[in-house]
Amino acid sequence: MSLPLFLLVIVAPIGAIDMLYFHLWKYRLYASACSRSETVTHILRSLTVATLAWVLAHYRPTGTWFWIVGSLFLIDFVNSLVDVAIESRSRAAMGGVPGAESVIHTVGSTALGAIAALYFALGWNDRLLPTALTSPAGELSPFLVLQGELVAVSGALLTLLELALLLCSLAGRCLPRRNSLAEYPPPLRS
């Protein structure tokens, strides 16, 4: 399963930039009542990606575990559909979703779809093996394992950060730096 992990390692930093720049810094989505549902979809995506990165870096899922890990891709897919469905309404008061962010979302969702397809195509015979999380000894380079671990740990930290900011905002203890939606810069259209 080195190819799915390799692609995940490549695409994850793009998602991290999206979360850090657009979601947390520029628009502070966690602090907007209109954007809280969207924020939950982002938290779920970063948690799912972090989990997938850790599992693919350390295990070869077989039998029932193959399907459990595969279901994480399905959860991410459904979560992405929900995110797309609510995003325009969530960002309406902020001028909509900037073109650059839409490109990032398209690249990220397409890449995760490709990673899921590779996971199922390359591991299809693993579904028939006894249920286990075995070591992928020799299948992955130590460097790729390290990169997968970095994606997993950074994804978990981003999940915790966005969750903490959302909870802080819900408790009324976390205020955005900007005082009103009128102070948000207009989105860049591409």
N, C-alpha and C. Protein backbone atom coordinates (compact mmCIF):
# COMPACT_ATOMS: atom_id res chain seq x y z
N MET A 1 0.82 -1.21 0.00
CA MET A 1 0.00 0.00 0.00
C MET A 1 0.86 1.26 0.00
N SER A 2 2.02 1.20 -0.62
CA SER A 2 2.89 2.37 -0.61
C SER A 2 2.36 3.50 -1.48
N LEU A 3 1.72 3.19 -2.60
CA LEU A 3 1.25 4.24 -3.49
C LEU A 3 0.14 5.09 -2.87
N PRO A 4 -0.88 4.50 -2.23
CA PRO A 4 -1.87 5.36 -1.57
C PRO A 4 -1.25 6.26 -0.49
N LEU A 5 -0.32 5.71 0.29
CA LEU A 5 0.33 6.52 1.32
C LEU A 5 1.18 7.62 0.70
N PHE A 6 1.89 7.28 -0.36
CA PHE A 6 2.73 8.26 -1.06
C PHE A 6 1.89 9.45 -1.53
N LEU A 7 0.76 9.16 -2.16
CA LEU A 7 -0.12 10.24 -2.65
C LEU A 7 -0.72 11.03 -1.49
N LEU A 8 -1.06 10.36 -0.41
CA LEU A 8 -1.60 11.06 0.76
C LEU A 8 -0.57 12.01 1.34
N VAL A 9 0.68 11.58 1.37
CA VAL A 9 1.77 12.43 1.88
C VAL A 9 1.94 13.67 1.00
N ILE A 10 1.71 13.52 -0.29
CA ILE A 10 1.84 14.66 -1.21
C ILE A 10 0.67 15.64 -1.06
N VAL A 11 -0.54 15.12 -0.95
CA VAL A 11 -1.72 16.00 -0.96
C VAL A 11 -2.04 16.59 0.42
N ALA A 12 -1.63 15.96 1.49
CA ALA A 12 -1.98 16.44 2.84
C ALA A 12 -1.50 17.86 3.13
N PRO A 13 -0.29 18.25 2.72
CA PRO A 13 0.13 19.64 2.99
C PRO A 13 -0.77 20.68 2.31
N ILE A 14 -1.35 20.32 1.16
CA ILE A 14 -2.27 21.24 0.50
C ILE A 14 -3.50 21.47 1.38
N GLY A 15 -4.01 20.39 1.96
CA GLY A 15 -5.14 20.50 2.88
C GLY A 15 -4.79 21.28 4.13
N ALA A 16 -3.57 21.10 4.61
CA ALA A 16 -3.14 21.84 5.81
C ALA A 16 -3.08 23.34 5.53
N ILE A 17 -2.60 23.71 4.35
CA ILE A 17 -2.56 25.13 3.98
C ILE A 17 -3.98 25.69 3.91
N ASP A 18 -4.89 24.93 3.32
CA ASP A 18 -6.29 25.34 3.24
C ASP A 18 -6.84 25.59 4.64
N MET A 19 -6.62 24.65 5.54
CA MET A 19 -7.16 24.78 6.89
C MET A 19 -6.53 25.96 7.63
N LEU A 20 -5.21 26.02 7.61
CA LEU A 20 -4.53 27.06 8.38
C LEU A 20 -4.79 28.46 7.82
N TYR A 21 -4.68 28.62 6.51
CA TYR A 21 -4.82 29.96 5.93
C TYR A 21 -6.29 30.38 5.80
N PHE A 22 -7.07 29.60 5.06
CA PHE A 22 -8.44 30.02 4.77
C PHE A 22 -9.38 29.82 5.96
N HIS A 23 -9.35 28.64 6.57
CA HIS A 23 -10.33 28.32 7.60
C HIS A 23 -10.04 28.98 8.94
N LEU A 24 -8.78 28.95 9.36
CA LEU A 24 -8.46 29.44 10.70
C LEU A 24 -8.00 30.90 10.72
N TRP A 25 -7.18 31.30 9.77
CA TRP A 25 -6.61 32.65 9.83
C TRP A 25 -7.46 33.68 9.09
N LYS A 26 -7.68 33.48 7.81
CA LYS A 26 -8.36 34.50 7.00
C LYS A 26 -9.83 34.67 7.37
N TYR A 27 -10.57 33.56 7.45
CA TYR A 27 -12.01 33.66 7.69
C TYR A 27 -12.45 33.29 9.11
N ARG A 28 -11.58 32.67 9.88
CA ARG A 28 -11.91 32.29 11.25
C ARG A 28 -13.30 31.64 11.31
N LEU A 29 -13.44 30.60 10.52
CA LEU A 29 -14.75 29.96 10.39
C LEU A 29 -15.29 29.46 11.72
N TYR A 30 -14.42 29.03 12.60
CA TYR A 30 -14.83 28.51 13.90
C TYR A 30 -15.61 29.55 14.71
N ALA A 31 -15.38 30.84 14.46
CA ALA A 31 -16.00 31.90 15.26
C ALA A 31 -17.31 32.41 14.65
N SER A 32 -17.64 31.96 13.46
CA SER A 32 -18.86 32.42 12.79
C SER A 32 -19.97 31.40 13.01
N ALA A 33 -21.08 31.86 13.57
CA ALA A 33 -22.21 30.96 13.80
C ALA A 33 -22.68 30.31 12.50
N CYS A 34 -22.59 31.04 11.39
CA CYS A 34 -23.01 30.51 10.09
C CYS A 34 -22.10 29.38 9.60
N SER A 35 -20.88 29.34 10.10
CA SER A 35 -19.88 28.41 9.56
C SER A 35 -19.55 27.25 10.50
N ARG A 36 -20.28 27.10 11.56
CA ARG A 36 -19.94 26.05 12.52
C ARG A 36 -20.13 24.65 11.96
N SER A 37 -21.18 24.45 11.18
CA SER A 37 -21.38 23.12 10.57
C SER A 37 -20.25 22.81 9.59
N GLU A 38 -19.85 23.82 8.84
CA GLU A 38 -18.72 23.63 7.91
C GLU A 38 -17.45 23.30 8.69
N THR A 39 -17.26 23.96 9.82
CA THR A 39 -16.08 23.70 10.65
C THR A 39 -16.08 22.25 11.12
N VAL A 40 -17.23 21.72 11.47
CA VAL A 40 -17.31 20.32 11.90
C VAL A 40 -16.89 19.40 10.77
N THR A 41 -17.27 19.71 9.52
CA THR A 41 -16.84 18.86 8.40
C THR A 41 -15.32 18.92 8.23
N HIS A 42 -14.72 20.08 8.49
CA HIS A 42 -13.27 20.19 8.37
C HIS A 42 -12.57 19.39 9.47
N ILE A 43 -13.12 19.42 10.67
CA ILE A 43 -12.55 18.66 11.78
C ILE A 43 -12.62 17.16 11.46
N LEU A 44 -13.75 16.72 10.93
CA LEU A 44 -13.89 15.31 10.59
C LEU A 44 -12.92 14.91 9.48
N ARG A 45 -12.73 15.78 8.49
CA ARG A 45 -11.80 15.45 7.40
C ARG A 45 -10.37 15.34 7.92
N SER A 46 -9.92 16.28 8.73
CA SER A 46 -8.54 16.20 9.21
C SER A 46 -8.33 14.99 10.11
N LEU A 47 -9.35 14.63 10.89
CA LEU A 47 -9.26 13.43 11.72
C LEU A 47 -9.20 12.17 10.85
N THR A 48 -10.01 12.12 9.82
CA THR A 48 -10.03 10.97 8.91
C THR A 48 -8.70 10.82 8.18
N VAL A 49 -8.18 11.92 7.66
CA VAL A 49 -6.91 11.87 6.94
C VAL A 49 -5.77 11.47 7.88
N ALA A 50 -5.77 12.01 9.08
CA ALA A 50 -4.72 11.65 10.06
C ALA A 50 -4.78 10.16 10.37
N THR A 51 -5.97 9.64 10.57
CA THR A 51 -6.13 8.21 10.87
C THR A 51 -5.67 7.35 9.69
N LEU A 52 -6.09 7.72 8.49
CA LEU A 52 -5.67 6.97 7.31
C LEU A 52 -4.15 6.98 7.15
N ALA A 53 -3.53 8.14 7.36
CA ALA A 53 -2.07 8.23 7.22
C ALA A 53 -1.37 7.31 8.22
N TRP A 54 -1.84 7.30 9.45
CA TRP A 54 -1.21 6.46 10.48
C TRP A 54 -1.39 4.98 10.15
N VAL A 55 -2.59 4.60 9.79
CA VAL A 55 -2.87 3.20 9.49
C VAL A 55 -2.07 2.74 8.27
N LEU A 56 -2.08 3.53 7.20
CA LEU A 56 -1.35 3.13 5.99
C LEU A 56 0.16 3.10 6.21
N ALA A 57 0.67 3.91 7.13
CA ALA A 57 2.11 3.92 7.41
C ALA A 57 2.54 2.74 8.28
N HIS A 58 1.62 2.20 9.07
CA HIS A 58 2.01 1.18 10.05
C HIS A 58 1.40 -0.20 9.86
N TYR A 59 0.34 -0.29 9.06
CA TYR A 59 -0.37 -1.56 8.98
C TYR A 59 -0.77 -1.91 7.56
N ARG A 60 -0.97 -3.19 7.38
CA ARG A 60 -1.60 -3.71 6.17
C ARG A 60 -2.92 -4.33 6.64
N PRO A 61 -4.03 -3.61 6.44
CA PRO A 61 -5.32 -4.12 6.93
C PRO A 61 -5.84 -5.25 6.04
N THR A 62 -6.22 -6.36 6.66
CA THR A 62 -6.75 -7.50 5.92
C THR A 62 -8.07 -7.93 6.52
N GLY A 63 -8.83 -8.69 5.74
CA GLY A 63 -10.12 -9.18 6.22
C GLY A 63 -11.06 -8.03 6.56
N THR A 64 -11.68 -8.11 7.71
CA THR A 64 -12.61 -7.06 8.15
C THR A 64 -11.91 -5.72 8.29
N TRP A 65 -10.67 -5.73 8.70
CA TRP A 65 -9.93 -4.45 8.83
C TRP A 65 -9.79 -3.75 7.49
N PHE A 66 -9.67 -4.51 6.41
CA PHE A 66 -9.62 -3.90 5.08
C PHE A 66 -10.88 -3.06 4.84
N TRP A 67 -12.04 -3.59 5.22
CA TRP A 67 -13.30 -2.88 5.05
C TRP A 67 -13.45 -1.72 6.02
N ILE A 68 -12.96 -1.88 7.23
CA ILE A 68 -13.03 -0.80 8.22
C ILE A 68 -12.22 0.41 7.73
N VAL A 69 -11.00 0.15 7.29
CA VAL A 69 -10.17 1.24 6.77
C VAL A 69 -10.79 1.81 5.49
N GLY A 70 -11.30 0.94 4.64
CA GLY A 70 -11.98 1.40 3.43
C GLY A 70 -13.18 2.28 3.75
N SER A 71 -13.86 1.99 4.85
CA SER A 71 -15.02 2.81 5.23
C SER A 71 -14.60 4.23 5.61
N LEU A 72 -13.36 4.41 6.05
CA LEU A 72 -12.87 5.76 6.33
C LEU A 72 -12.87 6.61 5.05
N PHE A 73 -12.55 5.99 3.93
CA PHE A 73 -12.61 6.71 2.65
C PHE A 73 -14.06 7.08 2.31
N LEU A 74 -14.99 6.18 2.59
CA LEU A 74 -16.41 6.47 2.35
C LEU A 74 -16.88 7.60 3.26
N ILE A 75 -16.48 7.57 4.53
CA ILE A 75 -16.84 8.64 5.47
C ILE A 75 -16.30 9.97 4.95
N ASP A 76 -15.06 9.98 4.47
CA ASP A 76 -14.47 11.21 3.95
C ASP A 76 -15.24 11.70 2.73
N PHE A 77 -15.64 10.78 1.87
CA PHE A 77 -16.39 11.15 0.66
C PHE A 77 -17.72 11.80 1.03
N VAL A 78 -18.48 11.16 1.91
CA VAL A 78 -19.78 11.71 2.32
C VAL A 78 -19.57 13.04 3.04
N ASN A 79 -18.57 13.12 3.87
CA ASN A 79 -18.25 14.36 4.58
C ASN A 79 -17.93 15.48 3.58
N SER A 80 -17.20 15.16 2.52
CA SER A 80 -16.88 16.16 1.50
C SER A 80 -18.13 16.64 0.78
N LEU A 81 -19.06 15.73 0.52
CA LEU A 81 -20.32 16.11 -0.11
C LEU A 81 -21.10 17.08 0.79
N VAL A 82 -21.14 16.78 2.07
CA VAL A 82 -21.82 17.67 3.03
C VAL A 82 -21.13 19.03 3.04
N ASP A 83 -19.81 19.03 3.08
CA ASP A 83 -19.04 20.28 3.10
C ASP A 83 -19.38 21.13 1.88
N VAL A 84 -19.39 20.52 0.70
CA VAL A 84 -19.71 21.25 -0.53
C VAL A 84 -21.14 21.78 -0.48
N ALA A 85 -22.06 20.98 0.04
CA ALA A 85 -23.47 21.37 0.08
C ALA A 85 -23.72 22.57 0.99
N ILE A 86 -22.95 22.69 2.08
CA ILE A 86 -23.22 23.77 3.04
C ILE A 86 -22.26 24.95 2.90
N GLU A 87 -21.20 24.78 2.14
CA GLU A 87 -20.14 25.78 2.09
C GLU A 87 -20.59 27.14 1.54
N SER A 88 -21.36 27.15 0.47
CA SER A 88 -21.74 28.44 -0.11
C SER A 88 -22.64 29.22 0.85
N ARG A 89 -23.55 28.54 1.52
CA ARG A 89 -24.41 29.21 2.50
C ARG A 89 -23.59 29.65 3.72
N SER A 90 -22.65 28.83 4.12
CA SER A 90 -21.80 29.12 5.27
C SER A 90 -20.95 30.37 5.04
N ARG A 91 -20.53 30.57 3.80
CA ARG A 91 -19.62 31.68 3.49
C ARG A 91 -20.30 32.86 2.81
N ALA A 92 -21.60 32.83 2.65
CA ALA A 92 -22.31 33.89 1.92
C ALA A 92 -22.01 35.27 2.49
N ALA A 93 -22.05 35.43 3.80
CA ALA A 93 -21.81 36.73 4.43
C ALA A 93 -20.36 37.18 4.29
N MET A 94 -19.48 36.25 3.94
CA MET A 94 -18.06 36.56 3.80
C MET A 94 -17.68 36.79 2.34
N GLY A 95 -18.65 36.80 1.46
CA GLY A 95 -18.36 37.01 0.05
C GLY A 95 -18.19 35.74 -0.74
N GLY A 96 -18.48 34.60 -0.14
CA GLY A 96 -18.37 33.33 -0.84
C GLY A 96 -17.01 32.68 -0.66
N VAL A 97 -16.85 31.57 -1.34
CA VAL A 97 -15.60 30.81 -1.28
C VAL A 97 -14.67 31.35 -2.36
N PRO A 98 -13.45 31.77 -1.98
CA PRO A 98 -12.52 32.28 -2.98
C PRO A 98 -12.15 31.21 -4.01
N GLY A 99 -11.84 31.65 -5.22
CA GLY A 99 -11.48 30.73 -6.29
C GLY A 99 -10.30 29.84 -5.94
N ALA A 100 -9.29 30.42 -5.30
CA ALA A 100 -8.10 29.64 -4.93
C ALA A 100 -8.46 28.52 -3.95
N GLU A 101 -9.35 28.81 -3.03
CA GLU A 101 -9.76 27.79 -2.08
C GLU A 101 -10.58 26.70 -2.76
N SER A 102 -11.41 27.09 -3.72
CA SER A 102 -12.18 26.10 -4.48
C SER A 102 -11.26 25.16 -5.24
N VAL A 103 -10.19 25.70 -5.79
CA VAL A 103 -9.20 24.86 -6.49
C VAL A 103 -8.56 23.88 -5.51
N ILE A 104 -8.19 24.37 -4.34
CA ILE A 104 -7.60 23.49 -3.31
C ILE A 104 -8.57 22.37 -2.95
N HIS A 105 -9.85 22.71 -2.77
CA HIS A 105 -10.85 21.70 -2.42
C HIS A 105 -11.01 20.67 -3.54
N THR A 106 -11.00 21.13 -4.78
CA THR A 106 -11.14 20.22 -5.91
C THR A 106 -9.94 19.27 -6.00
N VAL A 107 -8.75 19.82 -5.86
CA VAL A 107 -7.54 19.00 -5.91
C VAL A 107 -7.55 17.99 -4.76
N GLY A 108 -7.86 18.46 -3.55
CA GLY A 108 -7.86 17.57 -2.39
C GLY A 108 -8.88 16.45 -2.50
N SER A 109 -10.10 16.79 -2.89
CA SER A 109 -11.15 15.77 -3.00
C SER A 109 -10.86 14.78 -4.12
N THR A 110 -10.36 15.28 -5.24
CA THR A 110 -10.00 14.40 -6.35
C THR A 110 -8.87 13.46 -5.94
N ALA A 111 -7.87 14.01 -5.28
CA ALA A 111 -6.73 13.19 -4.84
C ALA A 111 -7.18 12.12 -3.84
N LEU A 112 -8.04 12.50 -2.89
CA LEU A 112 -8.50 11.50 -1.93
C LEU A 112 -9.36 10.43 -2.60
N GLY A 113 -10.10 10.81 -3.62
CA GLY A 113 -10.83 9.81 -4.39
C GLY A 113 -9.89 8.84 -5.10
N ALA A 114 -8.81 9.39 -5.66
CA ALA A 114 -7.81 8.54 -6.33
C ALA A 114 -7.11 7.63 -5.33
N ILE A 115 -6.81 8.17 -4.15
CA ILE A 115 -6.16 7.37 -3.11
C ILE A 115 -7.08 6.23 -2.68
N ALA A 116 -8.37 6.53 -2.52
CA ALA A 116 -9.33 5.48 -2.16
C ALA A 116 -9.40 4.41 -3.25
N ALA A 117 -9.44 4.83 -4.50
CA ALA A 117 -9.49 3.87 -5.61
C ALA A 117 -8.25 2.97 -5.60
N LEU A 118 -7.09 3.58 -5.37
CA LEU A 118 -5.85 2.79 -5.30
C LEU A 118 -5.86 1.83 -4.11
N TYR A 119 -6.36 2.30 -2.98
CA TYR A 119 -6.44 1.43 -1.80
C TYR A 119 -7.25 0.18 -2.12
N PHE A 120 -8.42 0.37 -2.73
CA PHE A 120 -9.26 -0.79 -3.04
C PHE A 120 -8.67 -1.64 -4.17
N ALA A 121 -8.12 -1.01 -5.19
CA ALA A 121 -7.57 -1.76 -6.32
C ALA A 121 -6.34 -2.57 -5.91
N LEU A 122 -5.43 -1.94 -5.18
CA LEU A 122 -4.18 -2.62 -4.81
C LEU A 122 -4.38 -3.61 -3.67
N GLY A 123 -5.37 -3.37 -2.83
CA GLY A 123 -5.56 -4.25 -1.67
C GLY A 123 -6.75 -5.18 -1.79
N TRP A 124 -7.37 -5.25 -2.96
CA TRP A 124 -8.60 -6.01 -3.12
C TRP A 124 -8.49 -7.43 -2.61
N ASN A 125 -7.38 -8.11 -2.88
CA ASN A 125 -7.21 -9.49 -2.40
C ASN A 125 -7.05 -9.57 -0.89
N ASP A 126 -6.68 -8.46 -0.26
CA ASP A 126 -6.52 -8.45 1.20
C ASP A 126 -7.84 -8.64 1.92
N ARG A 127 -8.94 -8.35 1.28
CA ARG A 127 -10.25 -8.52 1.90
C ARG A 127 -10.54 -9.99 2.18
N LEU A 128 -9.86 -10.90 1.45
CA LEU A 128 -10.09 -12.33 1.59
C LEU A 128 -9.20 -12.98 2.65
N LEU A 129 -8.20 -12.25 3.12
CA LEU A 129 -7.27 -12.79 4.11
C LEU A 129 -7.89 -12.74 5.49
N PRO A 130 -7.31 -13.46 6.44
CA PRO A 130 -7.82 -13.39 7.82
C PRO A 130 -7.76 -11.95 8.35
N THR A 131 -8.71 -11.61 9.20
CA THR A 131 -8.81 -10.27 9.76
C THR A 131 -7.60 -9.97 10.63
N ALA A 132 -6.86 -8.94 10.26
CA ALA A 132 -5.66 -8.55 11.02
C ALA A 132 -5.17 -7.19 10.57
N LEU A 133 -4.42 -6.57 11.43
CA LEU A 133 -3.63 -5.38 11.08
C LEU A 133 -2.18 -5.85 11.15
N THR A 134 -1.65 -6.28 10.01
CA THR A 134 -0.30 -6.81 10.00
C THR A 134 0.70 -5.72 9.66
N SER A 135 1.95 -5.98 9.94
CA SER A 135 3.02 -5.04 9.62
C SER A 135 3.31 -5.11 8.13
N PRO A 136 3.43 -3.94 7.50
CA PRO A 136 3.78 -3.95 6.08
C PRO A 136 5.29 -4.06 5.87
N ALA A 137 5.96 -4.83 6.71
CA ALA A 137 7.42 -4.94 6.70
C ALA A 137 7.94 -5.14 5.28
N GLY A 138 8.85 -4.29 4.90
CA GLY A 138 9.49 -4.37 3.60
C GLY A 138 8.71 -3.73 2.47
N GLU A 139 7.43 -3.44 2.68
CA GLU A 139 6.61 -2.83 1.62
C GLU A 139 6.83 -1.32 1.53
N LEU A 140 7.18 -0.70 2.64
CA LEU A 140 7.31 0.76 2.70
C LEU A 140 8.73 1.15 3.09
N SER A 141 9.23 2.20 2.48
CA SER A 141 10.55 2.70 2.88
C SER A 141 10.42 3.40 4.22
N PRO A 142 11.49 3.39 5.02
CA PRO A 142 11.45 4.09 6.31
C PRO A 142 11.12 5.58 6.13
N PHE A 143 11.57 6.17 5.03
CA PHE A 143 11.29 7.59 4.79
C PHE A 143 9.79 7.82 4.56
N LEU A 144 9.14 6.92 3.80
CA LEU A 144 7.71 7.05 3.56
C LEU A 144 6.92 6.85 4.85
N VAL A 145 7.36 5.90 5.67
CA VAL A 145 6.70 5.69 6.97
C VAL A 145 6.81 6.96 7.81
N LEU A 146 7.99 7.57 7.84
CA LEU A 146 8.19 8.80 8.59
C LEU A 146 7.28 9.91 8.06
N GLN A 147 7.19 10.04 6.75
CA GLN A 147 6.32 11.06 6.17
C GLN A 147 4.85 10.80 6.52
N GLY A 148 4.45 9.53 6.50
CA GLY A 148 3.08 9.17 6.90
C GLY A 148 2.82 9.53 8.35
N GLU A 149 3.81 9.28 9.20
CA GLU A 149 3.67 9.64 10.62
C GLU A 149 3.56 11.15 10.79
N LEU A 150 4.34 11.90 10.02
CA LEU A 150 4.26 13.37 10.10
C LEU A 150 2.89 13.87 9.67
N VAL A 151 2.34 13.28 8.61
CA VAL A 151 0.99 13.66 8.16
C VAL A 151 -0.02 13.32 9.26
N ALA A 152 0.11 12.15 9.84
CA ALA A 152 -0.83 11.72 10.88
C ALA A 152 -0.76 12.62 12.11
N VAL A 153 0.44 12.90 12.58
CA VAL A 153 0.59 13.72 13.79
C VAL A 153 0.17 15.16 13.52
N SER A 154 0.59 15.72 12.38
CA SER A 154 0.20 17.10 12.09
C SER A 154 -1.31 17.19 11.86
N GLY A 155 -1.90 16.18 11.23
CA GLY A 155 -3.35 16.14 11.05
C GLY A 155 -4.09 16.07 12.37
N ALA A 156 -3.56 15.26 13.29
CA ALA A 156 -4.18 15.16 14.62
C ALA A 156 -4.07 16.49 15.36
N LEU A 157 -2.92 17.15 15.25
CA LEU A 157 -2.74 18.44 15.91
C LEU A 157 -3.66 19.51 15.31
N LEU A 158 -3.81 19.51 13.99
CA LEU A 158 -4.73 20.45 13.35
C LEU A 158 -6.18 20.17 13.75
N THR A 159 -6.51 18.89 13.88
CA THR A 159 -7.85 18.52 14.34
C THR A 159 -8.10 19.09 15.74
N LEU A 160 -7.14 18.88 16.63
CA LEU A 160 -7.28 19.39 18.00
C LEU A 160 -7.34 20.91 18.04
N LEU A 161 -6.53 21.57 17.22
CA LEU A 161 -6.52 23.03 17.19
C LEU A 161 -7.88 23.56 16.73
N GLU A 162 -8.39 23.04 15.62
CA GLU A 162 -9.67 23.55 15.11
C GLU A 162 -10.82 23.22 16.07
N LEU A 163 -10.76 22.04 16.68
CA LEU A 163 -11.79 21.66 17.66
C LEU A 163 -11.72 22.58 18.88
N ALA A 164 -10.52 22.85 19.37
CA ALA A 164 -10.36 23.74 20.53
C ALA A 164 -10.87 25.14 20.21
N LEU A 165 -10.56 25.65 19.04
CA LEU A 165 -11.04 26.98 18.66
C LEU A 165 -12.56 27.00 18.53
N LEU A 166 -13.15 25.95 17.98
CA LEU A 166 -14.60 25.87 17.86
C LEU A 166 -15.24 25.84 19.25
N LEU A 167 -14.73 25.00 20.13
CA LEU A 167 -15.29 24.91 21.49
C LEU A 167 -15.11 26.21 22.25
N CYS A 168 -13.96 26.84 22.08
CA CYS A 168 -13.69 28.14 22.70
C CYS A 168 -14.69 29.17 22.21
N SER A 169 -14.96 29.17 20.92
CA SER A 169 -15.91 30.10 20.34
C SER A 169 -17.33 29.83 20.84
N LEU A 170 -17.70 28.57 20.92
CA LEU A 170 -19.03 28.22 21.42
C LEU A 170 -19.22 28.65 22.87
N ALA A 171 -18.12 28.62 23.63
CA ALA A 171 -18.18 29.04 25.04
C ALA A 171 -18.12 30.55 25.19
N GLY A 172 -17.90 31.25 24.07
CA GLY A 172 -17.84 32.71 24.12
C GLY A 172 -16.53 33.25 24.65
N ARG A 173 -15.51 32.44 24.64
CA ARG A 173 -14.21 32.88 25.17
C ARG A 173 -13.18 33.13 24.09
N CYS A 174 -13.54 32.85 22.87
CA CYS A 174 -12.62 32.98 21.75
C CYS A 174 -13.25 33.94 20.76
N LEU A 175 -12.74 35.10 20.61
CA LEU A 175 -13.31 36.07 19.70
C LEU A 175 -12.42 36.25 18.49
N PRO A 176 -13.01 36.42 17.32
CA PRO A 176 -12.19 36.67 16.14
C PRO A 176 -11.54 38.04 16.26
N ARG A 177 -10.40 38.20 15.62
CA ARG A 177 -9.69 39.47 15.64
C ARG A 177 -10.50 40.57 14.97
N ARG A 178 -11.24 40.20 13.95
CA ARG A 178 -12.06 41.18 13.25
C ARG A 178 -13.38 41.36 13.99
N ASN A 179 -13.91 42.58 13.97
CA ASN A 179 -15.11 42.87 14.73
C ASN A 179 -16.40 42.57 13.99
N SER A 180 -16.37 42.57 12.66
CA SER A 180 -17.60 42.31 11.92
C SER A 180 -17.26 41.65 10.59
N LEU A 181 -18.29 41.08 9.99
CA LEU A 181 -18.08 40.44 8.69
C LEU A 181 -17.68 41.45 7.63
N ALA A 182 -18.04 42.71 7.82
CA ALA A 182 -17.69 43.75 6.86
C ALA A 182 -16.18 43.93 6.76
N GLU A 183 -15.46 43.52 7.79
CA GLU A 183 -14.00 43.69 7.77
C GLU A 183 -13.29 42.55 7.04
N TYR A 184 -14.02 41.51 6.62
CA TYR A 184 -13.38 40.44 5.88
C TYR A 184 -13.00 40.96 4.50
N PRO A 185 -11.84 40.59 4.02
CA PRO A 185 -11.47 41.04 2.66
C PRO A 185 -12.35 40.34 1.64
N PRO A 186 -12.60 41.00 0.51
CA PRO A 186 -13.40 40.33 -0.51
C PRO A 186 -12.63 39.13 -1.04
N PRO A 187 -13.35 38.04 -1.38
CA PRO A 187 -12.64 36.86 -1.87
C PRO A 187 -12.03 37.11 -3.22
N LEU A 188 -10.96 36.41 -3.48
CA LEU A 188 -10.30 36.47 -4.79
C LEU A 188 -11.08 35.59 -5.75
N ARG A 189 -11.44 36.10 -6.86
CA ARG A 189 -12.16 35.31 -7.87
C ARG A 189 -11.17 34.92 -8.95
N SER A 190 -11.21 33.66 -9.32
CA SER A 190 -10.31 33.25 -10.41
C SER A 190 -11.07 32.72 -11.57
